[in-house]
Amino acid sequence: MAQITVTINDREYEIACDDGQEAHLIHLAEFVDQRVQELIAAVGQVGEARLLVMANLLVADELSEVCTELDTMRNEGRAGARADSMVGLNLAELDQLASRIEKIAESIQQS
C-alpha cells in the first residue's frame, strides 16, 4: 500500500492508497483544494474543518447532480454509450469513486 502527501488549504495530509493510485489521489486532492480556495474567496477563512465540510458538500452536490442526470438519461432511453461518454464515468466507476472518497475521508479522520 502506497503512502502519499497531499496538500489542501496549505496543510499537508498523509494518505494511504492502493499502489498505482497515487497520481489519481493527488489529482483528487487538487480538485478538493480548488473547491476550498473558491470557498475561501467567497466566505473567507472560517476554519479548516468547516471549509473541508463545505468543500466536500459541494463535491457531493456535483456528484449527485451528475448521477441524477445520468439516471434521467437512462430513464428516457438515451443511455448506453452516449450517456457514459458524456459523463465520462459509468455507474461502476462512480461507485468506485465514491468508495475511494469514503476511504480518503476515513484516512483524514484518522490523521
C-alpha atoms as a PDB file:
ATOM      1  CA  MET A   1       0.000   0.000   0.000  1.00  0.00           C
ATOM      2  CA  ALA A   2       1.389   3.385  -1.025  1.00  0.00           C
ATOM      3  CA  GLN A   3       1.631   6.453   1.201  1.00  0.00           C
ATOM      4  CA  ILE A   4       1.436   9.964  -0.273  1.00  0.00           C
ATOM      5  CA  THR A   5       1.239  13.510   0.996  1.00  0.00           C
ATOM      6  CA  VAL A   6      -1.465  15.807  -0.330  1.00  0.00           C
ATOM      7  CA  THR A   7      -1.885  19.491   0.417  1.00  0.00           C
ATOM      8  CA  ILE A   8      -5.272  21.070   0.994  1.00  0.00           C
ATOM      9  CA  ASN A   9      -5.589  24.649   2.221  1.00  0.00           C
ATOM     10  CA  ASP A  10      -1.814  24.802   2.749  1.00  0.00           C
ATOM     11  CA  ARG A  11      -1.935  21.851   5.136  1.00  0.00           C
ATOM     12  CA  GLU A  12      -0.303  18.517   4.392  1.00  0.00           C
ATOM     13  CA  TYR A  13      -2.109  15.219   4.918  1.00  0.00           C
ATOM     14  CA  GLU A  14      -0.529  11.759   4.811  1.00  0.00           C
ATOM     15  CA  ILE A  15      -2.861   9.439   2.936  1.00  0.00           C
ATOM     16  CA  ALA A  16      -2.609   5.721   2.250  1.00  0.00           C
ATOM     17  CA  CYS A  17      -3.813   4.435  -1.102  1.00  0.00           C
ATOM     18  CA  ASP A  18      -3.587   1.382  -3.296  1.00  0.00           C
ATOM     19  CA  ASP A  19      -0.401   1.021  -5.306  1.00  0.00           C
ATOM     20  CA  GLY A  20      -0.753   2.745  -8.653  1.00  0.00           C
ATOM     21  CA  GLN A  21      -3.429   5.167  -7.407  1.00  0.00           C
ATOM     22  CA  GLU A  22      -1.031   7.871  -6.229  1.00  0.00           C
ATOM     23  CA  ALA A  23      -1.423  10.228  -9.209  1.00  0.00           C
ATOM     24  CA  HIS A  24      -5.197   9.855  -9.188  1.00  0.00           C
ATOM     25  CA  LEU A  25      -5.405  10.634  -5.470  1.00  0.00           C
ATOM     26  CA  ILE A  26      -3.158  13.677  -5.918  1.00  0.00           C
ATOM     27  CA  HIS A  27      -5.462  14.876  -8.700  1.00  0.00           C
ATOM     28  CA  LEU A  28      -8.495  14.433  -6.426  1.00  0.00           C
ATOM     29  CA  ALA A  29      -6.774  16.364  -3.634  1.00  0.00           C
ATOM     30  CA  GLU A  30      -6.015  19.186  -6.060  1.00  0.00           C
ATOM     31  CA  PHE A  31      -9.692  19.231  -7.033  1.00  0.00           C
ATOM     32  CA  VAL A  32     -10.765  19.444  -3.369  1.00  0.00           C
ATOM     33  CA  ASP A  33      -8.160  22.144  -2.695  1.00  0.00           C
ATOM     34  CA  GLN A  34      -9.521  24.147  -5.625  1.00  0.00           C
ATOM     35  CA  ARG A  35     -13.003  23.978  -4.100  1.00  0.00           C
ATOM     36  CA  VAL A  36     -11.604  25.049  -0.720  1.00  0.00           C
ATOM     37  CA  GLN A  37      -9.830  28.015  -2.331  1.00  0.00           C
ATOM     38  CA  GLU A  38     -13.095  29.020  -4.050  1.00  0.00           C
ATOM     39  CA  LEU A  39     -14.863  28.911  -0.699  1.00  0.00           C
ATOM     40  CA  ILE A  40     -12.146  30.980   0.959  1.00  0.00           C
ATOM     41  CA  ALA A  41     -12.570  33.598  -1.761  1.00  0.00           C
ATOM     42  CA  ALA A  42     -16.324  33.626  -1.147  1.00  0.00           C
ATOM     43  CA  VAL A  43     -16.594  33.348   2.649  1.00  0.00           C
ATOM     44  CA  GLY A  44     -13.064  33.820   3.984  1.00  0.00           C
ATOM     45  CA  GLN A  45     -11.149  31.586   6.382  1.00  0.00           C
ATOM     46  CA  VAL A  46     -13.944  30.171   8.527  1.00  0.00           C
ATOM     47  CA  GLY A  47     -11.890  27.346   9.995  1.00  0.00           C
ATOM     48  CA  GLU A  48     -10.293  24.344   8.393  1.00  0.00           C
ATOM     49  CA  ALA A  49     -12.890  21.790   9.441  1.00  0.00           C
ATOM     50  CA  ARG A  50     -15.788  23.951   8.271  1.00  0.00           C
ATOM     51  CA  LEU A  51     -14.058  24.672   4.938  1.00  0.00           C
ATOM     52  CA  LEU A  52     -13.413  20.971   4.340  1.00  0.00           C
ATOM     53  CA  VAL A  53     -17.010  20.081   5.205  1.00  0.00           C
ATOM     54  CA  MET A  54     -18.332  22.809   2.901  1.00  0.00           C
ATOM     55  CA  ALA A  55     -15.988  21.767   0.064  1.00  0.00           C
ATOM     56  CA  ASN A  56     -16.983  18.119   0.402  1.00  0.00           C
ATOM     57  CA  LEU A  57     -20.655  19.075   0.373  1.00  0.00           C
ATOM     58  CA  LEU A  58     -20.053  20.988  -2.865  1.00  0.00           C
ATOM     59  CA  VAL A  59     -18.300  17.988  -4.410  1.00  0.00           C
ATOM     60  CA  ALA A  60     -21.067  15.652  -3.194  1.00  0.00           C
ATOM     61  CA  ASP A  61     -23.647  18.004  -4.705  1.00  0.00           C
ATOM     62  CA  GLU A  62     -21.827  17.962  -8.054  1.00  0.00           C
ATOM     63  CA  LEU A  63     -21.643  14.159  -7.968  1.00  0.00           C
ATOM     64  CA  SER A  64     -25.327  13.958  -7.054  1.00  0.00           C
ATOM     65  CA  GLU A  65     -26.249  16.186  -9.990  1.00  0.00           C
ATOM     66  CA  VAL A  66     -24.237  14.014 -12.379  1.00  0.00           C
ATOM     67  CA  CYS A  67     -25.885  10.855 -11.034  1.00  0.00           C
ATOM     68  CA  THR A  68     -29.342  12.423 -11.353  1.00  0.00           C
ATOM     69  CA  GLU A  69     -28.623  13.490 -14.940  1.00  0.00           C
ATOM     70  CA  LEU A  70     -27.341  10.012 -15.751  1.00  0.00           C
ATOM     71  CA  ASP A  71     -30.423   8.378 -14.213  1.00  0.00           C
ATOM     72  CA  THR A  72     -32.677  10.748 -16.155  1.00  0.00           C
ATOM     73  CA  MET A  73     -30.907   9.950 -19.407  1.00  0.00           C
ATOM     74  CA  ARG A  74     -31.173   6.232 -18.758  1.00  0.00           C
ATOM     75  CA  ASN A  75     -34.844   6.506 -17.826  1.00  0.00           C
ATOM     76  CA  GLU A  76     -35.514   8.414 -21.025  1.00  0.00           C
ATOM     77  CA  GLY A  77     -33.909   5.651 -23.054  1.00  0.00           C
ATOM     78  CA  ARG A  78     -30.904   7.726 -24.128  1.00  0.00           C
ATOM     79  CA  ALA A  79     -28.427   5.820 -22.018  1.00  0.00           C
ATOM     80  CA  GLY A  80     -25.710   3.438 -23.024  1.00  0.00           C
ATOM     81  CA  ALA A  81     -22.603   4.619 -24.763  1.00  0.00           C
ATOM     82  CA  ARG A  82     -23.852   8.196 -25.254  1.00  0.00           C
ATOM     83  CA  ALA A  83     -24.531   8.783 -21.536  1.00  0.00           C
ATOM     84  CA  ASP A  84     -21.290   7.128 -20.480  1.00  0.00           C
ATOM     85  CA  SER A  85     -19.256   9.176 -22.929  1.00  0.00           C
ATOM     86  CA  MET A  86     -20.937  12.447 -21.897  1.00  0.00           C
ATOM     87  CA  VAL A  87     -20.395  11.855 -18.207  1.00  0.00           C
ATOM     88  CA  GLY A  88     -17.056  10.129 -18.629  1.00  0.00           C
ATOM     89  CA  LEU A  89     -17.880   7.550 -15.962  1.00  0.00           C
ATOM     90  CA  ASN A  90     -20.246   4.604 -15.827  1.00  0.00           C
ATOM     91  CA  LEU A  91     -22.115   3.629 -12.679  1.00  0.00           C
ATOM     92  CA  ALA A  92     -19.486   1.081 -11.655  1.00  0.00           C
ATOM     93  CA  GLU A  93     -16.805   3.771 -11.930  1.00  0.00           C
ATOM     94  CA  LEU A  94     -18.979   6.210  -9.936  1.00  0.00           C
ATOM     95  CA  ASP A  95     -19.374   3.565  -7.214  1.00  0.00           C
ATOM     96  CA  GLN A  96     -15.615   3.003  -7.222  1.00  0.00           C
ATOM     97  CA  LEU A  97     -15.011   6.768  -6.973  1.00  0.00           C
ATOM     98  CA  ALA A  98     -17.472   7.040  -4.082  1.00  0.00           C
ATOM     99  CA  SER A  99     -15.621   4.203  -2.321  1.00  0.00           C
ATOM    100  CA  ARG A 100     -12.301   5.963  -2.787  1.00  0.00           C
ATOM    101  CA  ILE A 101     -13.737   9.216  -1.420  1.00  0.00           C
ATOM    102  CA  GLU A 102     -15.020   7.358   1.638  1.00  0.00           C
ATOM    103  CA  LYS A 103     -11.572   5.784   2.193  1.00  0.00           C
ATOM    104  CA  ILE A 104      -9.930   9.189   1.878  1.00  0.00           C
ATOM    105  CA  ALA A 105     -12.371  10.680   4.380  1.00  0.00           C
ATOM    106  CA  GLU A 106     -11.620   7.837   6.798  1.00  0.00           C
ATOM    107  CA  SER A 107      -7.868   8.387   6.387  1.00  0.00           C
ATOM    108  CA  ILE A 108      -8.263  12.106   7.069  1.00  0.00           C
ATOM    109  CA  GLN A 109     -10.376  11.455  10.149  1.00  0.00           C
ATOM    110  CA  GLN A 110      -7.720   9.065  11.486  1.00  0.00           C
ATOM    111  CA  SER A 111      -4.917  11.620  10.960  1.00  0.00           C
END
